[in-house]
Amino acid sequence: MSFFDKVLQWTTDLDGIMWGLPMIILLLATGFFLTIATRGLQFTHMWHSLKLIFSKESRSEKGEGDISPFAALMTALAATVGNGNIAGVATAIAIGGPGAPVFMWIAGLLGMATKYAEGFLGVHFREIAPNGTMAGGPMYYAKNGLKNQKWGRFLGAAFAVFGTIACLIGTGNMAQSNSMTAGMANKFNEIIHGATVAQQAPAFYYYIIGGIIALLVGLVIIGGIKRIGHVSEKLVPAMIFFYIFFALWVIIANFSHIPAAFVLIFKSAFGFQPLVGATVGLAIQNGVSRGLLSNEAGLGSAAIAQGASTSKEPTDNGLIAMTGVFIDTILVNSMTTLTIVLSGVYVQTQAWQGIEASNNITSILVTQAAFDTVIPFGIGGWIIAIASFLFGYTTLIGWSYYGEKCIEYLGKERVVMPFRYTFIVFLFVGAILTPIAGESFTYLNIVWNLGNIGNALMAAPNLVGLIFLTGVVARITKERIHNNSSR
């Protein structure tokens, strides 16, 4: 067994432990608990939350804070709408079968209440940092909100440590740069060498593309949250519309097969569709874990961006925050799911064929193959490569901010700039991991496993903090939203 085989096995096993039944129960139970506590806010006030996004107040930078509420949402979306929506959904289907997205949707609907609470608490318990910027997030609402101060400081520090690690090696860094580089390298390899989707591009492609990504990310993140916010509020809406437009092209081309696709999805989710390499357990595990990887509800990361908002009202901030889950999971993830299922590309994965099949594809290659079935001349694959690049780019700049606020909590302002440069180094390592690992595309699952593990480590202290602070969220939400008839 090679070194990377061992790493793959180790990370897969640890991923299975971290995302076992206890974590899934904690995540879903927290979402359900907050849904009850807020009286199903994500269902009764969804329209109001969407209207808030387009209000003049959401664009205002007046007040205490670093960026407007809209820019804060776009920064959070920059971090959430990433390659989890393209490669993460595809990986979930490749491992857990076509039914895995069902559990993404369930977790997403409950997660909207969780994201509301995170956005609410991110503003309610934030602080002004010594350098004059706003500092919010799970570390601050745990420290400032919990009555047991020792417990609150412990949870805050645990989140900050795990958040720093996850931002360097997990979801918001190496997984993104790996998918971005693989997608672009794959398409250049097809054009220049006439290679097929299953043939790995030459190593120097990865080094060149990885270097370009590192440079482009560095130009933004060195400027801090104001530059990140200004880039995000312009780039994020454009890239989402770009992706949805072409995804609808694939879906509409297979319009008559949509009912059968949903039947297959739900049959696979609950074990009524026999699969060679997947089970209901794998569908649940991959659906929930990669759903969280995508929408980050329960992770606590969005509260960091929301804490920088100029919003004065925590409830409005929470409502704006929860729209991120709707856009990410219910809208964008569903687009990816339908393109893969309707195109029939899911049959080329290990869930359908078994892990020993030599022609299995995974990660972004699944989505590229799906788009290529409808969009001619290989343009579909290029669209995914471009979308992956844009999605990954915005995620990288968003997560760099999350990481620096986590490490700033631990080591103050002096550690921020060294962290930014370290982030760029790890980004480059993720970009070149594929040629280092060798020819097996299965090794791409290593970075997604690391992302899942990092997410679980971050989520645990955040979810515990949310549970203890549910009373605060429920009480103020009742006073300012449910008792306000104008809403």
Foldseek 3Di string as FASTA:
>chain_A
DDPLVVLLVVLVVLLCVLLDDVLLCLLLVLLVVLCVLLVNCCPPCLVVLVVLLVDPQQQDQPFQFDGGLNLLLLLLLLQQLALLLFQLLQQLCQQANLQLLVLLVSSLSSLLSLLLLLLLLLAVQWDQAPVRHIFGWQLRCLCRPFPPNVRSNVLSLLLLVLLLVCLQQALLFLLLLQQLQQLVQQVVCCVPVVDDLQFGGDLVSLLVSLVVLLVVLLVQQVVPDNSLSVVSSPQVVVLLVLLLVLLVLLCVVLVVCVVVLVVRNNCSCQVNDDADRHDNSSSNSSSNLSSCSNQVRLLTLSSRSSSRHSDPHSSSSSSNRSVSSCSGSVNSSVSQSSLLSSQVLSCLHCRHVNPPDPRHDHGNSSSQVSSPSRDDPSVSSVSSSVSNSSSSSSSNSSSLNSSLSSVCVVVNDVCNVVSSVSSSVSNSCSSSVVVVVPSDNSSSVSRNSSNSSSSSSSSVSSSVSSVSCSVVVSVVSCVPPVVDVVD
